[in-house]
Amino acid sequence: MRIIAGKFKNKKIIKPLDKLTRPLKDITKESIFNILKHSNLIKTTIENSKVLDLFSGTGSFGLECISRGADKVIFCENYNRAIDILEKNIKHLGCSNNVSVIKGNSENLFKKNIFNNSFNIIFLDPPFKSSDISNLLNNINKYKLLDKNGVIILHRNKKSKDVLPMNCHVIIEKIYGISKILFITF
């Protein structure tokens, strides 16, 4: 695994050694960033943005955002082995001033209302077996976590049949291998 572009371009990041963390493939990650940069359907940019990386794993997506000019990334993860690797990746890249790591289950984090601002980009990469995507999106809306011009990027298995809340609008949907990427707004 590596950083694809920006100030950390081609720097390697540590990938998980077990099967409980599913890293975002470089080709999928690159496609997501190409869409963010070039689609006229998306009204936000990575540069100077605030990013929430829920289910962050070892941090591949959020670290790519920092490399490409995001101001701040908040990583949320509850699996201790992934958190250990994430913290090593942050230290390796020397970007600790631009990130925060929050340990915990996303549902509990919403209940505690710990997010004190809105985000330009929210990346959701829950386990493929997770079935409560609607509740996750409802919480993002309820706590007003998405900036008015922001975008949610949801990474799912291409076979998943998630039911999204009525107020969600899928503006782009792409399939890459076994992955389905949805770009969503409210």
N, C-alpha and C. Protein backbone atom coordinates (compact mmCIF):
# COMPACT_ATOMS: atom_id res chain seq x y z
N MET A 1 0.85 -1.18 0.00
CA MET A 1 0.00 0.00 0.00
C MET A 1 0.89 1.23 0.00
N ARG A 2 0.40 2.27 -0.68
CA ARG A 2 1.20 3.48 -0.81
C ARG A 2 0.30 4.70 -0.91
N ILE A 3 0.90 5.86 -0.72
CA ILE A 3 0.23 7.12 -0.99
C ILE A 3 0.40 7.39 -2.49
N ILE A 4 -0.68 7.73 -3.15
CA ILE A 4 -0.67 7.83 -4.61
C ILE A 4 -0.18 9.18 -5.12
N ALA A 5 -0.59 10.27 -4.45
CA ALA A 5 -0.26 11.61 -4.97
C ALA A 5 -0.06 12.59 -3.82
N GLY A 6 0.45 13.76 -4.16
CA GLY A 6 0.60 14.82 -3.17
C GLY A 6 1.97 14.81 -2.51
N LYS A 7 2.05 15.47 -1.36
CA LYS A 7 3.35 15.66 -0.70
C LYS A 7 3.97 14.36 -0.18
N PHE A 8 3.18 13.31 0.02
CA PHE A 8 3.71 12.02 0.46
C PHE A 8 3.73 10.98 -0.66
N LYS A 9 3.65 11.45 -1.89
CA LYS A 9 3.55 10.56 -3.05
C LYS A 9 4.59 9.44 -3.00
N ASN A 10 4.12 8.21 -3.25
CA ASN A 10 4.92 6.98 -3.32
C ASN A 10 5.47 6.51 -1.97
N LYS A 11 5.12 7.19 -0.88
CA LYS A 11 5.53 6.68 0.44
C LYS A 11 4.68 5.47 0.78
N LYS A 12 5.33 4.44 1.25
CA LYS A 12 4.61 3.23 1.63
C LYS A 12 3.97 3.42 3.00
N ILE A 13 2.79 2.81 3.14
CA ILE A 13 2.15 2.77 4.44
C ILE A 13 1.95 1.31 4.83
N ILE A 14 1.93 1.09 6.11
CA ILE A 14 1.81 -0.28 6.62
C ILE A 14 0.39 -0.77 6.38
N LYS A 15 0.28 -1.99 5.90
CA LYS A 15 -1.04 -2.59 5.69
C LYS A 15 -1.31 -3.60 6.80
N PRO A 16 -2.56 -3.94 7.00
CA PRO A 16 -2.89 -4.89 8.07
C PRO A 16 -2.39 -6.29 7.74
N LEU A 17 -2.05 -7.02 8.80
CA LEU A 17 -1.56 -8.37 8.61
C LEU A 17 -2.64 -9.43 8.79
N ASP A 18 -3.77 -9.04 9.35
CA ASP A 18 -4.85 -10.00 9.55
C ASP A 18 -5.99 -9.76 8.57
N LYS A 19 -6.96 -10.62 8.59
CA LYS A 19 -8.09 -10.53 7.65
C LYS A 19 -9.26 -9.70 8.19
N LEU A 20 -9.14 -9.19 9.43
CA LEU A 20 -10.25 -8.43 10.02
C LEU A 20 -10.31 -6.99 9.51
N THR A 21 -9.23 -6.50 8.94
CA THR A 21 -9.21 -5.16 8.36
C THR A 21 -9.04 -5.30 6.86
N ARG A 22 -9.94 -4.66 6.11
CA ARG A 22 -9.94 -4.75 4.65
C ARG A 22 -9.43 -3.42 4.09
N PRO A 23 -8.18 -3.38 3.66
CA PRO A 23 -7.66 -2.11 3.15
C PRO A 23 -8.27 -1.73 1.80
N LEU A 24 -8.38 -0.45 1.58
CA LEU A 24 -8.87 0.09 0.32
C LEU A 24 -7.78 -0.12 -0.74
N LYS A 25 -8.13 -0.77 -1.81
CA LYS A 25 -7.16 -1.04 -2.89
C LYS A 25 -6.73 0.27 -3.54
N ASP A 26 -5.45 0.32 -3.93
CA ASP A 26 -4.90 1.54 -4.54
C ASP A 26 -5.69 1.98 -5.77
N ILE A 27 -6.11 1.04 -6.60
CA ILE A 27 -6.84 1.39 -7.83
C ILE A 27 -8.19 2.02 -7.50
N THR A 28 -8.85 1.51 -6.47
CA THR A 28 -10.13 2.07 -6.04
C THR A 28 -9.92 3.45 -5.45
N LYS A 29 -8.90 3.57 -4.61
CA LYS A 29 -8.59 4.85 -3.98
C LYS A 29 -8.27 5.91 -5.04
N GLU A 30 -7.47 5.54 -6.01
CA GLU A 30 -7.11 6.48 -7.08
C GLU A 30 -8.35 6.91 -7.86
N SER A 31 -9.24 5.99 -8.13
CA SER A 31 -10.48 6.32 -8.85
C SER A 31 -11.34 7.29 -8.04
N ILE A 32 -11.44 7.07 -6.73
CA ILE A 32 -12.21 7.97 -5.87
C ILE A 32 -11.65 9.39 -5.96
N PHE A 33 -10.34 9.51 -5.86
CA PHE A 33 -9.73 10.84 -5.89
C PHE A 33 -9.83 11.50 -7.26
N ASN A 34 -9.80 10.72 -8.32
CA ASN A 34 -10.02 11.28 -9.66
C ASN A 34 -11.43 11.85 -9.78
N ILE A 35 -12.41 11.13 -9.24
CA ILE A 35 -13.79 11.63 -9.28
C ILE A 35 -13.92 12.89 -8.44
N LEU A 36 -13.34 12.89 -7.24
CA LEU A 36 -13.40 14.08 -6.38
C LEU A 36 -12.81 15.30 -7.09
N LYS A 37 -11.74 15.09 -7.80
CA LYS A 37 -11.05 16.21 -8.45
C LYS A 37 -11.73 16.67 -9.73
N HIS A 38 -12.29 15.75 -10.50
CA HIS A 38 -12.72 16.10 -11.85
C HIS A 38 -14.23 16.12 -12.10
N SER A 39 -15.03 15.59 -11.18
CA SER A 39 -16.47 15.56 -11.44
C SER A 39 -17.11 16.91 -11.16
N ASN A 40 -17.93 17.37 -12.09
CA ASN A 40 -18.65 18.63 -11.86
C ASN A 40 -19.90 18.41 -11.00
N LEU A 41 -20.17 17.17 -10.61
CA LEU A 41 -21.29 16.87 -9.72
C LEU A 41 -20.93 17.05 -8.25
N ILE A 42 -19.63 17.15 -7.97
CA ILE A 42 -19.16 17.29 -6.60
C ILE A 42 -18.71 18.71 -6.37
N LYS A 43 -19.24 19.33 -5.30
CA LYS A 43 -19.04 20.75 -5.07
C LYS A 43 -17.97 21.07 -4.03
N THR A 44 -17.22 20.09 -3.60
CA THR A 44 -16.17 20.31 -2.62
C THR A 44 -14.84 19.84 -3.18
N THR A 45 -13.76 20.31 -2.58
CA THR A 45 -12.42 19.90 -3.01
C THR A 45 -11.66 19.33 -1.81
N ILE A 46 -10.63 18.59 -2.10
CA ILE A 46 -9.80 18.01 -1.04
C ILE A 46 -8.95 19.09 -0.38
N GLU A 47 -8.43 20.00 -1.17
CA GLU A 47 -7.57 21.05 -0.65
C GLU A 47 -8.31 21.86 0.42
N ASN A 48 -7.66 22.04 1.57
CA ASN A 48 -8.17 22.83 2.69
C ASN A 48 -9.45 22.25 3.31
N SER A 49 -9.74 20.98 3.06
CA SER A 49 -10.98 20.39 3.56
C SER A 49 -10.81 19.78 4.95
N LYS A 50 -11.96 19.53 5.56
CA LYS A 50 -12.04 18.76 6.81
C LYS A 50 -12.66 17.43 6.45
N VAL A 51 -12.00 16.33 6.84
CA VAL A 51 -12.40 15.00 6.43
C VAL A 51 -12.67 14.14 7.66
N LEU A 52 -13.78 13.42 7.62
CA LEU A 52 -14.09 12.41 8.63
C LEU A 52 -13.93 11.05 7.98
N ASP A 53 -13.04 10.23 8.52
CA ASP A 53 -12.77 8.89 8.00
C ASP A 53 -13.29 7.89 9.03
N LEU A 54 -14.58 7.50 8.89
CA LEU A 54 -15.18 6.53 9.81
C LEU A 54 -14.80 5.13 9.36
N PHE A 55 -14.59 4.25 10.32
CA PHE A 55 -14.12 2.88 10.02
C PHE A 55 -12.80 2.98 9.28
N SER A 56 -11.89 3.78 9.80
CA SER A 56 -10.68 4.17 9.06
C SER A 56 -9.65 3.07 8.88
N GLY A 57 -9.72 2.01 9.67
CA GLY A 57 -8.73 0.96 9.52
C GLY A 57 -7.33 1.51 9.72
N THR A 58 -6.45 1.25 8.78
CA THR A 58 -5.06 1.71 8.90
C THR A 58 -4.83 3.10 8.30
N GLY A 59 -5.91 3.75 7.84
CA GLY A 59 -5.83 5.16 7.46
C GLY A 59 -5.53 5.48 6.02
N SER A 60 -5.61 4.53 5.14
CA SER A 60 -5.23 4.75 3.74
C SER A 60 -5.95 5.95 3.11
N PHE A 61 -7.26 6.03 3.27
CA PHE A 61 -8.01 7.11 2.64
C PHE A 61 -7.66 8.48 3.25
N GLY A 62 -7.73 8.57 4.56
CA GLY A 62 -7.47 9.85 5.23
C GLY A 62 -6.06 10.35 5.04
N LEU A 63 -5.09 9.44 5.05
CA LEU A 63 -3.70 9.85 4.83
C LEU A 63 -3.50 10.35 3.41
N GLU A 64 -4.20 9.75 2.46
CA GLU A 64 -4.16 10.25 1.08
C GLU A 64 -4.73 11.67 1.03
N CYS A 65 -5.79 11.92 1.79
CA CYS A 65 -6.38 13.27 1.84
C CYS A 65 -5.37 14.29 2.37
N ILE A 66 -4.67 13.94 3.44
CA ILE A 66 -3.65 14.84 4.00
C ILE A 66 -2.57 15.10 2.96
N SER A 67 -2.11 14.05 2.29
CA SER A 67 -1.09 14.20 1.27
C SER A 67 -1.52 15.15 0.16
N ARG A 68 -2.83 15.16 -0.14
CA ARG A 68 -3.36 15.98 -1.23
C ARG A 68 -3.85 17.35 -0.77
N GLY A 69 -3.59 17.72 0.48
CA GLY A 69 -3.86 19.09 0.91
C GLY A 69 -5.03 19.31 1.85
N ALA A 70 -5.63 18.25 2.39
CA ALA A 70 -6.69 18.44 3.38
C ALA A 70 -6.10 19.10 4.62
N ASP A 71 -6.87 19.98 5.25
CA ASP A 71 -6.41 20.64 6.48
C ASP A 71 -6.42 19.71 7.68
N LYS A 72 -7.49 18.92 7.80
CA LYS A 72 -7.68 18.10 8.99
C LYS A 72 -8.40 16.81 8.63
N VAL A 73 -7.94 15.70 9.20
CA VAL A 73 -8.63 14.42 9.07
C VAL A 73 -8.85 13.85 10.46
N ILE A 74 -10.09 13.47 10.72
CA ILE A 74 -10.41 12.76 11.95
C ILE A 74 -10.64 11.31 11.59
N PHE A 75 -9.81 10.44 12.16
CA PHE A 75 -9.92 9.01 11.96
C PHE A 75 -10.72 8.41 13.12
N CYS A 76 -11.67 7.54 12.81
CA CYS A 76 -12.44 6.83 13.83
C CYS A 76 -12.32 5.34 13.56
N GLU A 77 -11.90 4.60 14.57
CA GLU A 77 -11.69 3.16 14.44
C GLU A 77 -11.85 2.52 15.82
N ASN A 78 -12.37 1.28 15.85
CA ASN A 78 -12.52 0.62 17.14
C ASN A 78 -11.69 -0.66 17.28
N TYR A 79 -10.98 -1.08 16.23
CA TYR A 79 -10.19 -2.29 16.28
C TYR A 79 -8.75 -1.93 16.65
N ASN A 80 -8.29 -2.40 17.81
CA ASN A 80 -7.00 -1.97 18.36
C ASN A 80 -5.81 -2.27 17.44
N ARG A 81 -5.81 -3.42 16.77
CA ARG A 81 -4.68 -3.72 15.86
C ARG A 81 -4.62 -2.72 14.71
N ALA A 82 -5.78 -2.35 14.18
CA ALA A 82 -5.80 -1.35 13.09
C ALA A 82 -5.35 0.01 13.61
N ILE A 83 -5.78 0.36 14.83
CA ILE A 83 -5.38 1.65 15.41
C ILE A 83 -3.86 1.71 15.58
N ASP A 84 -3.26 0.62 16.04
CA ASP A 84 -1.80 0.59 16.19
C ASP A 84 -1.10 0.87 14.86
N ILE A 85 -1.57 0.24 13.79
CA ILE A 85 -0.98 0.46 12.47
C ILE A 85 -1.25 1.89 12.00
N LEU A 86 -2.47 2.37 12.21
CA LEU A 86 -2.82 3.75 11.84
C LEU A 86 -1.87 4.74 12.51
N GLU A 87 -1.65 4.58 13.80
CA GLU A 87 -0.76 5.50 14.52
C GLU A 87 0.68 5.42 14.02
N LYS A 88 1.13 4.22 13.63
CA LYS A 88 2.47 4.09 13.05
C LYS A 88 2.53 4.78 11.69
N ASN A 89 1.47 4.67 10.89
CA ASN A 89 1.44 5.33 9.59
C ASN A 89 1.47 6.85 9.74
N ILE A 90 0.74 7.37 10.71
CA ILE A 90 0.73 8.82 10.97
C ILE A 90 2.12 9.29 11.37
N LYS A 91 2.75 8.54 12.26
CA LYS A 91 4.11 8.89 12.71
C LYS A 91 5.10 8.82 11.55
N HIS A 92 5.00 7.76 10.74
CA HIS A 92 5.90 7.57 9.60
C HIS A 92 5.81 8.75 8.62
N LEU A 93 4.60 9.26 8.40
CA LEU A 93 4.42 10.37 7.46
C LEU A 93 4.64 11.73 8.11
N GLY A 94 4.69 11.78 9.44
CA GLY A 94 4.94 13.04 10.14
C GLY A 94 3.80 14.04 10.00
N CYS A 95 2.56 13.54 10.05
CA CYS A 95 1.41 14.43 9.84
C CYS A 95 0.50 14.52 11.07
N SER A 96 1.04 14.29 12.24
CA SER A 96 0.20 14.27 13.44
C SER A 96 -0.48 15.60 13.74
N ASN A 97 0.06 16.71 13.26
CA ASN A 97 -0.57 18.02 13.48
C ASN A 97 -1.87 18.18 12.71
N ASN A 98 -2.07 17.36 11.68
CA ASN A 98 -3.25 17.49 10.83
C ASN A 98 -4.30 16.42 11.07
N VAL A 99 -4.07 15.55 12.04
CA VAL A 99 -5.00 14.45 12.25
C VAL A 99 -5.36 14.29 13.72
N SER A 100 -6.48 13.63 13.94
CA SER A 100 -6.89 13.16 15.27
C SER A 100 -7.36 11.73 15.11
N VAL A 101 -7.06 10.90 16.09
CA VAL A 101 -7.52 9.52 16.08
C VAL A 101 -8.49 9.34 17.25
N ILE A 102 -9.69 8.92 16.92
CA ILE A 102 -10.71 8.68 17.94
C ILE A 102 -10.98 7.19 17.96
N LYS A 103 -10.84 6.62 19.13
CA LYS A 103 -11.04 5.18 19.30
C LYS A 103 -12.47 4.94 19.76
N GLY A 104 -13.18 4.11 19.04
CA GLY A 104 -14.53 3.77 19.47
C GLY A 104 -15.42 3.35 18.33
N ASN A 105 -16.53 2.78 18.70
CA ASN A 105 -17.59 2.34 17.81
C ASN A 105 -18.34 3.56 17.28
N SER A 106 -18.64 3.60 16.00
CA SER A 106 -19.28 4.78 15.41
C SER A 106 -20.61 5.12 16.08
N GLU A 107 -21.40 4.12 16.41
CA GLU A 107 -22.69 4.38 17.06
C GLU A 107 -22.51 5.10 18.39
N ASN A 108 -21.53 4.65 19.18
CA ASN A 108 -21.25 5.31 20.46
C ASN A 108 -20.71 6.72 20.27
N LEU A 109 -19.91 6.92 19.23
CA LEU A 109 -19.37 8.25 18.97
C LEU A 109 -20.49 9.23 18.62
N PHE A 110 -21.48 8.77 17.86
CA PHE A 110 -22.62 9.63 17.55
C PHE A 110 -23.39 9.97 18.82
N LYS A 111 -23.63 8.98 19.66
CA LYS A 111 -24.39 9.21 20.90
C LYS A 111 -23.68 10.20 21.82
N LYS A 112 -22.36 10.15 21.83
CA LYS A 112 -21.59 11.08 22.67
C LYS A 112 -21.49 12.46 22.03
N ASN A 113 -21.88 12.56 20.77
CA ASN A 113 -21.86 13.83 20.03
C ASN A 113 -20.50 14.52 20.14
N ILE A 114 -19.44 13.76 19.82
CA ILE A 114 -18.08 14.29 19.99
C ILE A 114 -17.58 15.12 18.81
N PHE A 115 -18.29 15.09 17.71
CA PHE A 115 -17.85 15.84 16.54
C PHE A 115 -18.38 17.26 16.66
N ASN A 116 -17.48 18.22 16.75
CA ASN A 116 -17.90 19.60 17.00
C ASN A 116 -17.92 20.48 15.75
N ASN A 117 -17.84 19.88 14.60
CA ASN A 117 -17.93 20.67 13.37
C ASN A 117 -18.43 19.80 12.23
N SER A 118 -18.70 20.44 11.10
CA SER A 118 -19.13 19.68 9.93
C SER A 118 -17.91 19.39 9.06
N PHE A 119 -18.09 18.45 8.15
CA PHE A 119 -16.99 17.99 7.32
C PHE A 119 -17.33 18.17 5.84
N ASN A 120 -16.29 18.45 5.05
CA ASN A 120 -16.45 18.57 3.60
C ASN A 120 -16.55 17.20 2.94
N ILE A 121 -15.81 16.24 3.50
CA ILE A 121 -15.80 14.88 2.96
C ILE A 121 -15.95 13.91 4.13
N ILE A 122 -16.88 12.98 4.00
CA ILE A 122 -17.02 11.90 4.98
C ILE A 122 -16.85 10.60 4.22
N PHE A 123 -15.84 9.83 4.64
CA PHE A 123 -15.57 8.54 4.01
C PHE A 123 -16.05 7.44 4.95
N LEU A 124 -16.94 6.59 4.45
CA LEU A 124 -17.51 5.49 5.22
C LEU A 124 -17.07 4.18 4.61
N ASP A 125 -16.34 3.41 5.38
CA ASP A 125 -15.87 2.11 4.90
C ASP A 125 -16.16 1.05 5.97
N PRO A 126 -17.46 0.85 6.27
CA PRO A 126 -17.81 -0.14 7.30
C PRO A 126 -17.55 -1.55 6.80
N PRO A 127 -17.48 -2.51 7.73
CA PRO A 127 -17.34 -3.91 7.27
C PRO A 127 -18.42 -4.24 6.25
N PHE A 128 -18.05 -5.01 5.24
CA PHE A 128 -19.02 -5.37 4.20
C PHE A 128 -20.25 -6.06 4.78
N LYS A 129 -20.09 -6.77 5.90
CA LYS A 129 -21.22 -7.47 6.52
C LYS A 129 -22.15 -6.52 7.26
N SER A 130 -21.72 -5.29 7.50
CA SER A 130 -22.54 -4.31 8.22
C SER A 130 -23.82 -4.04 7.43
N SER A 131 -24.95 -4.07 8.13
CA SER A 131 -26.22 -3.93 7.42
C SER A 131 -27.00 -2.67 7.81
N ASP A 132 -26.45 -1.86 8.70
CA ASP A 132 -27.20 -0.71 9.18
C ASP A 132 -26.71 0.60 8.59
N ILE A 133 -26.55 0.62 7.28
CA ILE A 133 -26.05 1.80 6.58
C ILE A 133 -27.04 2.96 6.69
N SER A 134 -28.32 2.66 6.64
CA SER A 134 -29.34 3.71 6.75
C SER A 134 -29.23 4.46 8.08
N ASN A 135 -29.05 3.72 9.16
CA ASN A 135 -28.90 4.34 10.47
C ASN A 135 -27.63 5.21 10.53
N LEU A 136 -26.57 4.73 9.95
CA LEU A 136 -25.31 5.48 9.89
C LEU A 136 -25.51 6.81 9.17
N LEU A 137 -26.15 6.77 8.01
CA LEU A 137 -26.40 8.00 7.24
C LEU A 137 -27.38 8.92 7.97
N ASN A 138 -28.40 8.35 8.62
CA ASN A 138 -29.33 9.16 9.40
C ASN A 138 -28.62 9.89 10.54
N ASN A 139 -27.67 9.23 11.18
CA ASN A 139 -26.91 9.89 12.25
C ASN A 139 -26.05 11.02 11.71
N ILE A 140 -25.44 10.83 10.57
CA ILE A 140 -24.64 11.90 9.96
C ILE A 140 -25.52 13.12 9.70
N ASN A 141 -26.73 12.88 9.21
CA ASN A 141 -27.66 13.97 8.95
C ASN A 141 -28.18 14.58 10.26
N LYS A 142 -28.57 13.74 11.20
CA LYS A 142 -29.11 14.20 12.48
C LYS A 142 -28.14 15.13 13.21
N TYR A 143 -26.86 14.77 13.23
CA TYR A 143 -25.86 15.56 13.94
C TYR A 143 -25.20 16.61 13.05
N LYS A 144 -25.75 16.79 11.85
CA LYS A 144 -25.29 17.83 10.91
C LYS A 144 -23.77 17.78 10.69
N LEU A 145 -23.28 16.58 10.38
CA LEU A 145 -21.85 16.39 10.20
C LEU A 145 -21.36 16.73 8.80
N LEU A 146 -22.26 16.77 7.83
CA LEU A 146 -21.85 17.05 6.46
C LEU A 146 -22.08 18.51 6.13
N ASP A 147 -21.03 19.17 5.66
CA ASP A 147 -21.11 20.55 5.20
C ASP A 147 -22.13 20.65 4.06
N LYS A 148 -22.73 21.81 3.89
CA LYS A 148 -23.79 21.95 2.88
C LYS A 148 -23.33 21.60 1.46
N ASN A 149 -22.06 21.79 1.14
CA ASN A 149 -21.53 21.40 -0.17
C ASN A 149 -20.70 20.12 -0.11
N GLY A 150 -20.78 19.42 1.01
CA GLY A 150 -19.96 18.24 1.23
C GLY A 150 -20.48 17.00 0.52
N VAL A 151 -19.67 15.95 0.60
CA VAL A 151 -20.02 14.67 -0.03
C VAL A 151 -19.65 13.53 0.92
N ILE A 152 -20.49 12.52 0.91
CA ILE A 152 -20.22 11.27 1.63
C ILE A 152 -19.79 10.25 0.58
N ILE A 153 -18.72 9.54 0.88
CA ILE A 153 -18.24 8.48 0.00
C ILE A 153 -18.41 7.18 0.76
N LEU A 154 -19.23 6.29 0.23
CA LEU A 154 -19.55 5.02 0.88
C LEU A 154 -18.94 3.88 0.09
N HIS A 155 -18.12 3.06 0.76
CA HIS A 155 -17.48 1.90 0.15
C HIS A 155 -18.21 0.65 0.62
N ARG A 156 -18.78 -0.10 -0.33
CA ARG A 156 -19.55 -1.31 -0.02
C ARG A 156 -19.14 -2.44 -0.96
N ASN A 157 -19.57 -3.64 -0.64
CA ASN A 157 -19.43 -4.76 -1.56
C ASN A 157 -20.40 -4.51 -2.72
N LYS A 158 -19.98 -4.84 -3.93
CA LYS A 158 -20.83 -4.55 -5.10
C LYS A 158 -22.16 -5.29 -5.06
N LYS A 159 -22.25 -6.37 -4.28
CA LYS A 159 -23.50 -7.13 -4.19
C LYS A 159 -24.42 -6.63 -3.07
N SER A 160 -23.97 -5.69 -2.28
CA SER A 160 -24.81 -5.22 -1.17
C SER A 160 -26.06 -4.52 -1.70
N LYS A 161 -27.13 -4.70 -0.99
CA LYS A 161 -28.43 -4.11 -1.36
C LYS A 161 -28.89 -3.17 -0.24
N ASP A 162 -28.06 -2.20 0.09
CA ASP A 162 -28.37 -1.28 1.18
C ASP A 162 -29.55 -0.39 0.83
N VAL A 163 -30.39 -0.14 1.82
CA VAL A 163 -31.49 0.80 1.67
C VAL A 163 -31.03 2.11 2.27
N LEU A 164 -31.01 3.15 1.46
CA LEU A 164 -30.56 4.46 1.92
C LEU A 164 -31.76 5.30 2.34
N PRO A 165 -31.57 6.21 3.30
CA PRO A 165 -32.67 7.09 3.71
C PRO A 165 -33.19 7.90 2.52
N MET A 166 -34.46 8.30 2.62
CA MET A 166 -35.12 9.04 1.54
C MET A 166 -34.42 10.35 1.20
N ASN A 167 -33.77 10.98 2.21
CA ASN A 167 -33.14 12.29 1.97
C ASN A 167 -31.74 12.18 1.38
N CYS A 168 -31.27 10.97 1.13
CA CYS A 168 -29.95 10.78 0.51
C CYS A 168 -30.09 10.76 -1.01
N HIS A 169 -29.11 11.36 -1.65
CA HIS A 169 -29.09 11.40 -3.11
C HIS A 169 -27.76 10.81 -3.58
N VAL A 170 -27.81 9.70 -4.29
CA VAL A 170 -26.61 9.11 -4.87
C VAL A 170 -26.32 9.87 -6.16
N ILE A 171 -25.21 10.60 -6.16
CA ILE A 171 -24.89 11.40 -7.34
C ILE A 171 -23.97 10.65 -8.30
N ILE A 172 -23.18 9.71 -7.76
CA ILE A 172 -22.30 8.89 -8.60
C ILE A 172 -22.22 7.51 -7.96
N GLU A 173 -22.27 6.47 -8.78
CA GLU A 173 -22.06 5.10 -8.31
C GLU A 173 -21.11 4.41 -9.28
N LYS A 174 -20.05 3.80 -8.73
CA LYS A 174 -19.05 3.12 -9.55
C LYS A 174 -18.75 1.75 -8.95
N ILE A 175 -18.41 0.81 -9.81
CA ILE A 175 -18.01 -0.54 -9.40
C ILE A 175 -16.55 -0.74 -9.77
N TYR A 176 -15.75 -1.23 -8.81
CA TYR A 176 -14.33 -1.55 -9.04
C TYR A 176 -14.09 -2.93 -8.42
N GLY A 177 -13.92 -3.95 -9.23
CA GLY A 177 -13.72 -5.30 -8.69
C GLY A 177 -14.91 -5.70 -7.84
N ILE A 178 -14.66 -6.03 -6.57
CA ILE A 178 -15.76 -6.41 -5.66
C ILE A 178 -16.33 -5.21 -4.92
N SER A 179 -15.80 -4.03 -5.19
CA SER A 179 -16.22 -2.82 -4.47
C SER A 179 -17.24 -2.01 -5.24
N LYS A 180 -18.14 -1.40 -4.47
CA LYS A 180 -19.08 -0.41 -5.01
C LYS A 180 -18.81 0.88 -4.24
N ILE A 181 -18.64 1.97 -4.97
CA ILE A 181 -18.41 3.28 -4.36
C ILE A 181 -19.59 4.17 -4.69
N LEU A 182 -20.22 4.73 -3.64
CA LEU A 182 -21.33 5.65 -3.80
C LEU A 182 -20.90 7.03 -3.32
N PHE A 183 -21.17 8.04 -4.11
CA PHE A 183 -20.98 9.43 -3.70
C PHE A 183 -22.38 9.96 -3.38
N ILE A 184 -22.57 10.41 -2.14
CA ILE A 184 -23.90 10.73 -1.63
C ILE A 184 -23.93 12.14 -1.07
N THR A 185 -25.05 12.81 -1.29
CA THR A 185 -25.32 14.10 -0.64
C THR A 185 -26.71 14.02 0.01
N PHE A 186 -27.00 15.01 0.83
CA PHE A 186 -28.34 15.12 1.43
C PHE A 186 -29.12 16.18 0.71
